[in-house]
Amino acid sequence: MKLICESLEKEDYTQELPEVNFTHPLIQQKVRELKSGLPHSSLAYIKKAYEFVRDEVSHSWDIQSKIITKTASEALKEKEGICYSKCNLLAALLRAEGIPAGFCYQRLILGDTIDTGYCIHALNAVYIKSEDRWIRLDARGNKEGVQTDFSLKKEKLAFPANSIRGEIDYPVIYTKPHKKTMDVLSQYEDCLDMYLHYLPTEL
Protein backbone atom coordinates (compact mmCIF):
# COMPACT_ATOMS: atom_id res chain seq x y z
CA MET A 1 0.00 0.00 0.00
CA LYS A 2 1.24 3.46 -0.87
CA LEU A 3 1.40 5.64 2.21
CA ILE A 4 0.25 9.26 1.93
CA CYS A 5 1.72 11.97 4.15
CA GLU A 6 -0.76 14.44 5.60
CA SER A 7 2.04 17.02 5.44
CA LEU A 8 5.01 17.21 3.08
CA GLU A 9 7.04 18.94 5.80
CA LYS A 10 9.02 16.43 7.85
CA GLU A 11 9.22 18.99 10.66
CA ASP A 12 5.48 18.59 11.19
CA TYR A 13 6.20 15.01 12.26
CA THR A 14 8.74 16.06 14.89
CA GLN A 15 6.62 18.57 16.86
CA GLU A 16 5.82 18.17 20.53
CA LEU A 17 2.12 17.81 21.28
CA PRO A 18 0.12 17.60 24.53
CA GLU A 19 -0.18 13.84 24.02
CA VAL A 20 3.32 13.44 22.59
CA ASN A 21 5.07 15.25 25.44
CA PHE A 22 8.66 14.28 24.78
CA THR A 23 10.24 17.00 26.93
CA HIS A 24 8.70 15.35 30.01
CA PRO A 25 11.49 14.20 32.37
CA LEU A 26 10.34 10.56 32.25
CA ILE A 27 10.51 10.53 28.46
CA GLN A 28 13.90 12.24 28.43
CA GLN A 29 15.25 9.73 30.94
CA LYS A 30 13.98 6.80 28.86
CA VAL A 31 15.56 8.26 25.72
CA ARG A 32 18.93 8.37 27.47
CA GLU A 33 18.50 4.78 28.63
CA LEU A 34 17.57 3.57 25.16
CA LYS A 35 20.53 5.36 23.57
CA SER A 36 23.03 3.99 26.06
CA GLY A 37 25.46 1.62 24.39
CA LEU A 38 23.91 1.98 20.95
CA PRO A 39 25.97 2.79 17.87
CA HIS A 40 25.41 6.32 16.59
CA SER A 41 22.63 5.19 14.29
CA SER A 42 19.07 6.42 14.13
CA LEU A 43 18.04 3.03 12.75
CA ALA A 44 19.36 1.21 15.80
CA TYR A 45 17.57 3.66 18.08
CA ILE A 46 14.28 3.37 16.18
CA LYS A 47 14.37 -0.42 16.49
CA LYS A 48 15.19 -0.31 20.20
CA ALA A 49 12.51 2.29 20.97
CA TYR A 50 9.93 0.31 19.01
CA GLU A 51 10.78 -2.95 20.75
CA PHE A 52 10.66 -1.23 24.15
CA VAL A 53 7.12 0.05 23.58
CA ARG A 54 6.01 -3.23 22.03
CA ASP A 55 7.47 -5.50 24.71
CA GLU A 56 7.81 -3.49 27.92
CA VAL A 57 4.60 -1.44 27.86
CA SER A 58 1.65 -3.79 28.23
CA HIS A 59 -1.51 -3.52 26.18
CA SER A 60 -4.23 -2.76 28.72
CA TRP A 61 -6.65 -5.32 27.30
CA ASP A 62 -4.05 -8.09 27.39
CA ILE A 63 -3.49 -7.59 31.10
CA GLN A 64 -7.17 -6.80 31.77
CA SER A 65 -6.37 -3.46 33.38
CA LYS A 66 -8.95 -0.76 34.02
CA ILE A 67 -6.33 2.01 33.97
CA ILE A 68 -6.55 4.47 31.08
CA THR A 69 -3.38 6.20 29.95
CA LYS A 70 -3.36 8.90 27.29
CA THR A 71 -0.14 10.88 27.07
CA ALA A 72 3.25 9.42 26.28
CA SER A 73 4.49 10.11 29.80
CA GLU A 74 1.42 8.45 31.36
CA ALA A 75 1.90 5.31 29.26
CA LEU A 76 5.56 5.23 30.25
CA LYS A 77 4.88 5.81 33.94
CA GLU A 78 2.19 3.13 34.16
CA LYS A 79 3.92 0.82 31.65
CA GLU A 80 0.58 0.18 29.98
CA GLY A 81 -1.95 1.55 27.54
CA ILE A 82 -4.10 0.61 24.57
CA CYS A 83 -2.72 1.13 21.07
CA TYR A 84 -3.63 4.85 21.07
CA SER A 85 -1.43 5.72 24.04
CA LYS A 86 1.32 3.29 23.03
CA CYS A 87 1.47 5.15 19.71
CA ASN A 88 1.85 8.43 21.58
CA LEU A 89 4.73 6.97 23.54
CA LEU A 90 6.59 5.60 20.52
CA ALA A 91 6.10 8.87 18.67
CA ALA A 92 7.46 10.77 21.68
CA LEU A 93 10.55 8.58 21.98
CA LEU A 94 11.29 9.07 18.28
CA ARG A 95 10.44 12.77 18.03
CA ALA A 96 12.61 13.44 21.07
CA GLU A 97 15.53 12.50 18.82
CA GLY A 98 14.27 14.52 15.87
CA ILE A 99 13.08 11.41 14.04
CA PRO A 100 9.87 12.07 12.06
CA ALA A 101 7.06 9.87 13.40
CA GLY A 102 3.38 9.92 12.53
CA PHE A 103 0.11 8.14 13.21
CA CYS A 104 -1.68 5.60 11.02
CA TYR A 105 -4.99 3.81 11.46
CA GLN A 106 -6.93 0.71 10.56
CA ARG A 107 -10.61 -0.10 10.92
CA LEU A 108 -10.77 -3.64 12.23
CA ILE A 109 -13.31 -6.08 13.60
CA LEU A 110 -13.14 -5.74 17.39
CA GLY A 111 -13.42 -9.46 18.12
CA ASP A 112 -13.25 -12.51 15.89
CA THR A 113 -16.52 -12.07 14.02
CA ILE A 114 -18.35 -9.19 12.34
CA ASP A 115 -21.13 -9.20 14.94
CA THR A 116 -18.64 -7.96 17.55
CA GLY A 117 -18.50 -4.66 15.68
CA TYR A 118 -15.57 -2.54 14.50
CA CYS A 119 -12.94 -0.39 16.14
CA ILE A 120 -10.17 1.94 15.07
CA HIS A 121 -6.68 0.55 15.64
CA ALA A 122 -3.66 2.87 15.77
CA LEU A 123 -0.07 2.31 14.73
CA ASN A 124 2.91 4.48 13.90
CA ALA A 125 4.81 5.42 10.78
CA VAL A 126 8.45 6.47 10.98
CA TYR A 127 10.66 8.07 8.37
CA ILE A 128 13.81 6.04 7.75
CA LYS A 129 16.38 8.55 6.56
CA SER A 130 18.85 5.98 5.21
CA GLU A 131 16.06 4.50 3.07
CA ASP A 132 14.39 7.84 2.26
CA ARG A 133 10.98 6.36 2.94
CA TRP A 134 8.34 5.83 5.58
CA ILE A 135 7.57 2.47 7.16
CA ARG A 136 4.75 1.51 9.48
CA LEU A 137 5.41 -0.04 12.88
CA ASP A 138 2.79 -1.60 15.14
CA ALA A 139 3.83 -1.50 18.81
CA ARG A 140 0.53 -2.96 20.03
CA GLY A 141 2.34 -5.85 21.69
CA ASN A 142 2.71 -9.49 20.73
CA LYS A 143 0.53 -12.28 22.04
CA GLU A 144 -0.74 -15.63 20.80
CA GLY A 145 -1.79 -15.09 17.18
CA VAL A 146 -0.23 -11.61 17.00
CA GLN A 147 3.40 -11.22 15.97
CA THR A 148 4.73 -7.80 15.00
CA ASP A 149 8.30 -6.90 14.23
CA PHE A 150 10.65 -4.21 12.97
CA SER A 151 11.32 -4.81 9.28
CA LEU A 152 12.56 -2.71 6.39
CA LYS A 153 11.66 -5.37 3.86
CA LYS A 154 8.06 -6.27 4.62
CA GLU A 155 5.47 -4.86 7.00
CA LYS A 156 4.88 -7.05 10.02
CA LEU A 157 1.78 -5.53 11.57
CA ALA A 158 -0.49 -6.97 14.24
CA PHE A 159 -3.56 -7.19 12.03
CA PRO A 160 -3.86 -7.40 8.24
CA ALA A 161 -7.02 -5.52 7.22
CA ASN A 162 -9.52 -7.69 5.33
CA SER A 163 -11.68 -5.54 3.03
CA ILE A 164 -14.10 -8.42 2.45
CA ARG A 165 -15.01 -8.20 6.14
CA GLY A 166 -15.40 -4.43 5.97
CA GLU A 167 -11.97 -3.66 7.41
CA ILE A 168 -9.99 -0.67 6.15
CA ASP A 169 -6.27 0.08 5.98
CA TYR A 170 -6.11 3.88 5.93
CA PRO A 171 -3.08 5.09 3.91
CA VAL A 172 -2.63 8.53 5.52
CA ILE A 173 0.27 9.27 7.88
CA TYR A 174 -1.12 11.90 10.24
CA THR A 175 1.00 14.47 12.06
CA LYS A 176 -1.17 14.25 15.19
CA PRO A 177 -3.19 11.56 16.94
CA HIS A 178 -6.75 11.53 15.59
CA LYS A 179 -9.14 13.53 17.75
CA LYS A 180 -11.61 10.65 18.07
CA THR A 181 -8.94 8.39 19.54
CA MET A 182 -7.80 10.97 22.06
CA ASP A 183 -11.34 11.99 23.04
CA VAL A 184 -12.26 8.44 24.03
CA LEU A 185 -9.24 8.24 26.34
CA SER A 186 -10.40 11.42 28.09
CA GLN A 187 -14.10 10.59 28.42
CA TYR A 188 -14.02 7.27 30.27
CA GLU A 189 -12.55 5.92 33.51
CA ASP A 190 -12.69 2.13 33.04
CA CYS A 191 -10.41 0.93 30.26
CA LEU A 192 -12.07 -2.47 29.87
CA ASP A 193 -15.53 -0.94 29.52
CA MET A 194 -14.18 1.67 27.13
CA TYR A 195 -12.40 -0.94 25.03
CA LEU A 196 -15.47 -3.14 24.69
CA HIS A 197 -18.10 -0.49 24.07
CA TYR A 198 -16.79 2.96 23.23
CA LEU A 199 -13.81 2.84 20.87
CA PRO A 200 -14.40 4.84 17.67
CA THR A 201 -15.58 2.67 14.79
CA GLU A 202 -14.46 4.90 11.91
CA LEU A 203 -12.30 7.96 11.32
C-alpha atoms as a PDB file:
ATOM      1  CA  MET A   1       0.000   0.000   0.000  1.00  0.00           C
ATOM      2  CA  LYS A   2       1.238   3.460  -0.874  1.00  0.00           C
ATOM      3  CA  LEU A   3       1.400   5.645   2.206  1.00  0.00           C
ATOM      4  CA  ILE A   4       0.247   9.261   1.932  1.00  0.00           C
ATOM      5  CA  CYS A   5       1.723  11.971   4.151  1.00  0.00           C
ATOM      6  CA  GLU A   6      -0.763  14.445   5.598  1.00  0.00           C
ATOM      7  CA  SER A   7       2.040  17.017   5.438  1.00  0.00           C
ATOM      8  CA  LEU A   8       5.009  17.209   3.082  1.00  0.00           C
ATOM      9  CA  GLU A   9       7.042  18.944   5.803  1.00  0.00           C
ATOM     10  CA  LYS A  10       9.023  16.427   7.846  1.00  0.00           C
ATOM     11  CA  GLU A  11       9.221  18.986  10.664  1.00  0.00           C
ATOM     12  CA  ASP A  12       5.477  18.585  11.188  1.00  0.00           C
ATOM     13  CA  TYR A  13       6.204  15.014  12.262  1.00  0.00           C
ATOM     14  CA  THR A  14       8.737  16.056  14.888  1.00  0.00           C
ATOM     15  CA  GLN A  15       6.624  18.566  16.864  1.00  0.00           C
ATOM     16  CA  GLU A  16       5.824  18.170  20.533  1.00  0.00           C
ATOM     17  CA  LEU A  17       2.116  17.812  21.281  1.00  0.00           C
ATOM     18  CA  PRO A  18       0.116  17.605  24.528  1.00  0.00           C
ATOM     19  CA  GLU A  19      -0.176  13.839  24.024  1.00  0.00           C
ATOM     20  CA  VAL A  20       3.322  13.438  22.591  1.00  0.00           C
ATOM     21  CA  ASN A  21       5.072  15.247  25.442  1.00  0.00           C
ATOM     22  CA  PHE A  22       8.659  14.275  24.777  1.00  0.00           C
ATOM     23  CA  THR A  23      10.237  16.996  26.931  1.00  0.00           C
ATOM     24  CA  HIS A  24       8.700  15.355  30.013  1.00  0.00           C
ATOM     25  CA  PRO A  25      11.489  14.198  32.372  1.00  0.00           C
ATOM     26  CA  LEU A  26      10.343  10.561  32.249  1.00  0.00           C
ATOM     27  CA  ILE A  27      10.508  10.530  28.458  1.00  0.00           C
ATOM     28  CA  GLN A  28      13.901  12.235  28.429  1.00  0.00           C
ATOM     29  CA  GLN A  29      15.250   9.725  30.942  1.00  0.00           C
ATOM     30  CA  LYS A  30      13.983   6.797  28.865  1.00  0.00           C
ATOM     31  CA  VAL A  31      15.561   8.263  25.717  1.00  0.00           C
ATOM     32  CA  ARG A  32      18.926   8.374  27.472  1.00  0.00           C
ATOM     33  CA  GLU A  33      18.495   4.777  28.630  1.00  0.00           C
ATOM     34  CA  LEU A  34      17.573   3.569  25.162  1.00  0.00           C
ATOM     35  CA  LYS A  35      20.530   5.359  23.569  1.00  0.00           C
ATOM     36  CA  SER A  36      23.030   3.993  26.057  1.00  0.00           C
ATOM     37  CA  GLY A  37      25.457   1.616  24.389  1.00  0.00           C
ATOM     38  CA  LEU A  38      23.906   1.984  20.953  1.00  0.00           C
ATOM     39  CA  PRO A  39      25.971   2.788  17.869  1.00  0.00           C
ATOM     40  CA  HIS A  40      25.412   6.323  16.591  1.00  0.00           C
ATOM     41  CA  SER A  41      22.632   5.192  14.286  1.00  0.00           C
ATOM     42  CA  SER A  42      19.070   6.425  14.126  1.00  0.00           C
ATOM     43  CA  LEU A  43      18.041   3.035  12.751  1.00  0.00           C
ATOM     44  CA  ALA A  44      19.362   1.205  15.800  1.00  0.00           C
ATOM     45  CA  TYR A  45      17.572   3.661  18.076  1.00  0.00           C
ATOM     46  CA  ILE A  46      14.278   3.365  16.177  1.00  0.00           C
ATOM     47  CA  LYS A  47      14.372  -0.418  16.492  1.00  0.00           C
ATOM     48  CA  LYS A  48      15.194  -0.306  20.197  1.00  0.00           C
ATOM     49  CA  ALA A  49      12.511   2.289  20.969  1.00  0.00           C
ATOM     50  CA  TYR A  50       9.934   0.312  19.011  1.00  0.00           C
ATOM     51  CA  GLU A  51      10.780  -2.953  20.752  1.00  0.00           C
ATOM     52  CA  PHE A  52      10.660  -1.234  24.148  1.00  0.00           C
ATOM     53  CA  VAL A  53       7.123   0.053  23.582  1.00  0.00           C
ATOM     54  CA  ARG A  54       6.014  -3.228  22.028  1.00  0.00           C
ATOM     55  CA  ASP A  55       7.473  -5.497  24.711  1.00  0.00           C
ATOM     56  CA  GLU A  56       7.809  -3.488  27.924  1.00  0.00           C
ATOM     57  CA  VAL A  57       4.600  -1.438  27.862  1.00  0.00           C
ATOM     58  CA  SER A  58       1.650  -3.793  28.228  1.00  0.00           C
ATOM     59  CA  HIS A  59      -1.509  -3.520  26.181  1.00  0.00           C
ATOM     60  CA  SER A  60      -4.231  -2.761  28.722  1.00  0.00           C
ATOM     61  CA  TRP A  61      -6.653  -5.318  27.297  1.00  0.00           C
ATOM     62  CA  ASP A  62      -4.048  -8.090  27.388  1.00  0.00           C
ATOM     63  CA  ILE A  63      -3.493  -7.591  31.100  1.00  0.00           C
ATOM     64  CA  GLN A  64      -7.171  -6.799  31.771  1.00  0.00           C
ATOM     65  CA  SER A  65      -6.374  -3.459  33.379  1.00  0.00           C
ATOM     66  CA  LYS A  66      -8.955  -0.757  34.016  1.00  0.00           C
ATOM     67  CA  ILE A  67      -6.334   2.007  33.973  1.00  0.00           C
ATOM     68  CA  ILE A  68      -6.552   4.471  31.079  1.00  0.00           C
ATOM     69  CA  THR A  69      -3.382   6.204  29.953  1.00  0.00           C
ATOM     70  CA  LYS A  70      -3.360   8.903  27.289  1.00  0.00           C
ATOM     71  CA  THR A  71      -0.142  10.881  27.071  1.00  0.00           C
ATOM     72  CA  ALA A  72       3.255   9.419  26.280  1.00  0.00           C
ATOM     73  CA  SER A  73       4.489  10.109  29.800  1.00  0.00           C
ATOM     74  CA  GLU A  74       1.419   8.446  31.361  1.00  0.00           C
ATOM     75  CA  ALA A  75       1.904   5.307  29.264  1.00  0.00           C
ATOM     76  CA  LEU A  76       5.561   5.226  30.247  1.00  0.00           C
ATOM     77  CA  LYS A  77       4.882   5.814  33.938  1.00  0.00           C
ATOM     78  CA  GLU A  78       2.189   3.134  34.157  1.00  0.00           C
ATOM     79  CA  LYS A  79       3.924   0.820  31.654  1.00  0.00           C
ATOM     80  CA  GLU A  80       0.585   0.177  29.977  1.00  0.00           C
ATOM     81  CA  GLY A  81      -1.951   1.551  27.538  1.00  0.00           C
ATOM     82  CA  ILE A  82      -4.100   0.609  24.569  1.00  0.00           C
ATOM     83  CA  CYS A  83      -2.724   1.132  21.071  1.00  0.00           C
ATOM     84  CA  TYR A  84      -3.634   4.849  21.074  1.00  0.00           C
ATOM     85  CA  SER A  85      -1.434   5.719  24.040  1.00  0.00           C
ATOM     86  CA  LYS A  86       1.317   3.295  23.035  1.00  0.00           C
ATOM     87  CA  CYS A  87       1.470   5.150  19.709  1.00  0.00           C
ATOM     88  CA  ASN A  88       1.845   8.428  21.579  1.00  0.00           C
ATOM     89  CA  LEU A  89       4.733   6.968  23.538  1.00  0.00           C
ATOM     90  CA  LEU A  90       6.587   5.599  20.525  1.00  0.00           C
ATOM     91  CA  ALA A  91       6.102   8.872  18.675  1.00  0.00           C
ATOM     92  CA  ALA A  92       7.459  10.772  21.677  1.00  0.00           C
ATOM     93  CA  LEU A  93      10.553   8.578  21.976  1.00  0.00           C
ATOM     94  CA  LEU A  94      11.291   9.069  18.280  1.00  0.00           C
ATOM     95  CA  ARG A  95      10.437  12.768  18.034  1.00  0.00           C
ATOM     96  CA  ALA A  96      12.612  13.438  21.069  1.00  0.00           C
ATOM     97  CA  GLU A  97      15.534  12.496  18.819  1.00  0.00           C
ATOM     98  CA  GLY A  98      14.271  14.518  15.870  1.00  0.00           C
ATOM     99  CA  ILE A  99      13.081  11.413  14.041  1.00  0.00           C
ATOM    100  CA  PRO A 100       9.869  12.066  12.063  1.00  0.00           C
ATOM    101  CA  ALA A 101       7.059   9.866  13.396  1.00  0.00           C
ATOM    102  CA  GLY A 102       3.377   9.920  12.535  1.00  0.00           C
ATOM    103  CA  PHE A 103       0.114   8.144  13.206  1.00  0.00           C
ATOM    104  CA  CYS A 104      -1.683   5.603  11.021  1.00  0.00           C
ATOM    105  CA  TYR A 105      -4.988   3.805  11.460  1.00  0.00           C
ATOM    106  CA  GLN A 106      -6.926   0.708  10.559  1.00  0.00           C
ATOM    107  CA  ARG A 107     -10.613  -0.101  10.915  1.00  0.00           C
ATOM    108  CA  LEU A 108     -10.770  -3.642  12.234  1.00  0.00           C
ATOM    109  CA  ILE A 109     -13.308  -6.081  13.602  1.00  0.00           C
ATOM    110  CA  LEU A 110     -13.136  -5.735  17.389  1.00  0.00           C
ATOM    111  CA  GLY A 111     -13.422  -9.460  18.120  1.00  0.00           C
ATOM    112  CA  ASP A 112     -13.248 -12.508  15.895  1.00  0.00           C
ATOM    113  CA  THR A 113     -16.520 -12.073  14.022  1.00  0.00           C
ATOM    114  CA  ILE A 114     -18.347  -9.189  12.344  1.00  0.00           C
ATOM    115  CA  ASP A 115     -21.131  -9.204  14.936  1.00  0.00           C
ATOM    116  CA  THR A 116     -18.638  -7.961  17.554  1.00  0.00           C
ATOM    117  CA  GLY A 117     -18.502  -4.655  15.680  1.00  0.00           C
ATOM    118  CA  TYR A 118     -15.575  -2.544  14.503  1.00  0.00           C
ATOM    119  CA  CYS A 119     -12.936  -0.385  16.137  1.00  0.00           C
ATOM    120  CA  ILE A 120     -10.165   1.938  15.071  1.00  0.00           C
ATOM    121  CA  HIS A 121      -6.677   0.553  15.642  1.00  0.00           C
ATOM    122  CA  ALA A 122      -3.655   2.866  15.773  1.00  0.00           C
ATOM    123  CA  LEU A 123      -0.073   2.312  14.729  1.00  0.00           C
ATOM    124  CA  ASN A 124       2.913   4.479  13.899  1.00  0.00           C
ATOM    125  CA  ALA A 125       4.806   5.424  10.783  1.00  0.00           C
ATOM    126  CA  VAL A 126       8.448   6.471  10.981  1.00  0.00           C
ATOM    127  CA  TYR A 127      10.663   8.069   8.368  1.00  0.00           C
ATOM    128  CA  ILE A 128      13.813   6.043   7.750  1.00  0.00           C
ATOM    129  CA  LYS A 129      16.385   8.552   6.563  1.00  0.00           C
ATOM    130  CA  SER A 130      18.846   5.983   5.211  1.00  0.00           C
ATOM    131  CA  GLU A 131      16.058   4.503   3.068  1.00  0.00           C
ATOM    132  CA  ASP A 132      14.391   7.836   2.259  1.00  0.00           C
ATOM    133  CA  ARG A 133      10.978   6.360   2.943  1.00  0.00           C
ATOM    134  CA  TRP A 134       8.340   5.828   5.575  1.00  0.00           C
ATOM    135  CA  ILE A 135       7.566   2.471   7.156  1.00  0.00           C
ATOM    136  CA  ARG A 136       4.747   1.506   9.482  1.00  0.00           C
ATOM    137  CA  LEU A 137       5.408  -0.041  12.878  1.00  0.00           C
ATOM    138  CA  ASP A 138       2.794  -1.600  15.141  1.00  0.00           C
ATOM    139  CA  ALA A 139       3.832  -1.502  18.806  1.00  0.00           C
ATOM    140  CA  ARG A 140       0.526  -2.963  20.031  1.00  0.00           C
ATOM    141  CA  GLY A 141       2.338  -5.850  21.688  1.00  0.00           C
ATOM    142  CA  ASN A 142       2.709  -9.488  20.728  1.00  0.00           C
ATOM    143  CA  LYS A 143       0.531 -12.283  22.041  1.00  0.00           C
ATOM    144  CA  GLU A 144      -0.742 -15.625  20.795  1.00  0.00           C
ATOM    145  CA  GLY A 145      -1.793 -15.085  17.183  1.00  0.00           C
ATOM    146  CA  VAL A 146      -0.229 -11.613  17.003  1.00  0.00           C
ATOM    147  CA  GLN A 147       3.405 -11.219  15.972  1.00  0.00           C
ATOM    148  CA  THR A 148       4.725  -7.801  14.997  1.00  0.00           C
ATOM    149  CA  ASP A 149       8.303  -6.897  14.225  1.00  0.00           C
ATOM    150  CA  PHE A 150      10.652  -4.213  12.969  1.00  0.00           C
ATOM    151  CA  SER A 151      11.322  -4.810   9.282  1.00  0.00           C
ATOM    152  CA  LEU A 152      12.561  -2.706   6.394  1.00  0.00           C
ATOM    153  CA  LYS A 153      11.665  -5.371   3.860  1.00  0.00           C
ATOM    154  CA  LYS A 154       8.056  -6.273   4.622  1.00  0.00           C
ATOM    155  CA  GLU A 155       5.473  -4.859   6.998  1.00  0.00           C
ATOM    156  CA  LYS A 156       4.880  -7.049  10.020  1.00  0.00           C
ATOM    157  CA  LEU A 157       1.781  -5.534  11.568  1.00  0.00           C
ATOM    158  CA  ALA A 158      -0.493  -6.967  14.242  1.00  0.00           C
ATOM    159  CA  PHE A 159      -3.558  -7.194  12.035  1.00  0.00           C
ATOM    160  CA  PRO A 160      -3.865  -7.403   8.238  1.00  0.00           C
ATOM    161  CA  ALA A 161      -7.017  -5.522   7.218  1.00  0.00           C
ATOM    162  CA  ASN A 162      -9.515  -7.693   5.330  1.00  0.00           C
ATOM    163  CA  SER A 163     -11.679  -5.545   3.031  1.00  0.00           C
ATOM    164  CA  ILE A 164     -14.103  -8.422   2.448  1.00  0.00           C
ATOM    165  CA  ARG A 165     -15.006  -8.205   6.137  1.00  0.00           C
ATOM    166  CA  GLY A 166     -15.398  -4.432   5.969  1.00  0.00           C
ATOM    167  CA  GLU A 167     -11.970  -3.662   7.409  1.00  0.00           C
ATOM    168  CA  ILE A 168      -9.986  -0.670   6.151  1.00  0.00           C
ATOM    169  CA  ASP A 169      -6.273   0.083   5.982  1.00  0.00           C
ATOM    170  CA  TYR A 170      -6.112   3.882   5.933  1.00  0.00           C
ATOM    171  CA  PRO A 171      -3.081   5.088   3.906  1.00  0.00           C
ATOM    172  CA  VAL A 172      -2.631   8.527   5.518  1.00  0.00           C
ATOM    173  CA  ILE A 173       0.266   9.267   7.880  1.00  0.00           C
ATOM    174  CA  TYR A 174      -1.125  11.897  10.244  1.00  0.00           C
ATOM    175  CA  THR A 175       1.000  14.465  12.060  1.00  0.00           C
ATOM    176  CA  LYS A 176      -1.173  14.252  15.186  1.00  0.00           C
ATOM    177  CA  PRO A 177      -3.194  11.556  16.938  1.00  0.00           C
ATOM    178  CA  HIS A 178      -6.745  11.528  15.586  1.00  0.00           C
ATOM    179  CA  LYS A 179      -9.138  13.535  17.755  1.00  0.00           C
ATOM    180  CA  LYS A 180     -11.605  10.645  18.075  1.00  0.00           C
ATOM    181  CA  THR A 181      -8.939   8.390  19.542  1.00  0.00           C
ATOM    182  CA  MET A 182      -7.803  10.972  22.057  1.00  0.00           C
ATOM    183  CA  ASP A 183     -11.337  11.994  23.044  1.00  0.00           C
ATOM    184  CA  VAL A 184     -12.264   8.444  24.031  1.00  0.00           C
ATOM    185  CA  LEU A 185      -9.241   8.244  26.342  1.00  0.00           C
ATOM    186  CA  SER A 186     -10.405  11.421  28.090  1.00  0.00           C
ATOM    187  CA  GLN A 187     -14.096  10.586  28.421  1.00  0.00           C
ATOM    188  CA  TYR A 188     -14.018   7.266  30.270  1.00  0.00           C
ATOM    189  CA  GLU A 189     -12.550   5.924  33.508  1.00  0.00           C
ATOM    190  CA  ASP A 190     -12.687   2.129  33.043  1.00  0.00           C
ATOM    191  CA  CYS A 191     -10.406   0.929  30.262  1.00  0.00           C
ATOM    192  CA  LEU A 192     -12.071  -2.474  29.872  1.00  0.00           C
ATOM    193  CA  ASP A 193     -15.533  -0.944  29.515  1.00  0.00           C
ATOM    194  CA  MET A 194     -14.179   1.674  27.126  1.00  0.00           C
ATOM    195  CA  TYR A 195     -12.404  -0.940  25.033  1.00  0.00           C
ATOM    196  CA  LEU A 196     -15.472  -3.141  24.690  1.00  0.00           C
ATOM    197  CA  HIS A 197     -18.105  -0.486  24.072  1.00  0.00           C
ATOM    198  CA  TYR A 198     -16.785   2.964  23.232  1.00  0.00           C
ATOM    199  CA  LEU A 199     -13.808   2.840  20.867  1.00  0.00           C
ATOM    200  CA  PRO A 200     -14.403   4.840  17.668  1.00  0.00           C
ATOM    201  CA  THR A 201     -15.584   2.666  14.792  1.00  0.00           C
ATOM    202  CA  GLU A 202     -14.463   4.895  11.914  1.00  0.00           C
ATOM    203  CA  LEU A 203     -12.299   7.956  11.319  1.00  0.00           C
END
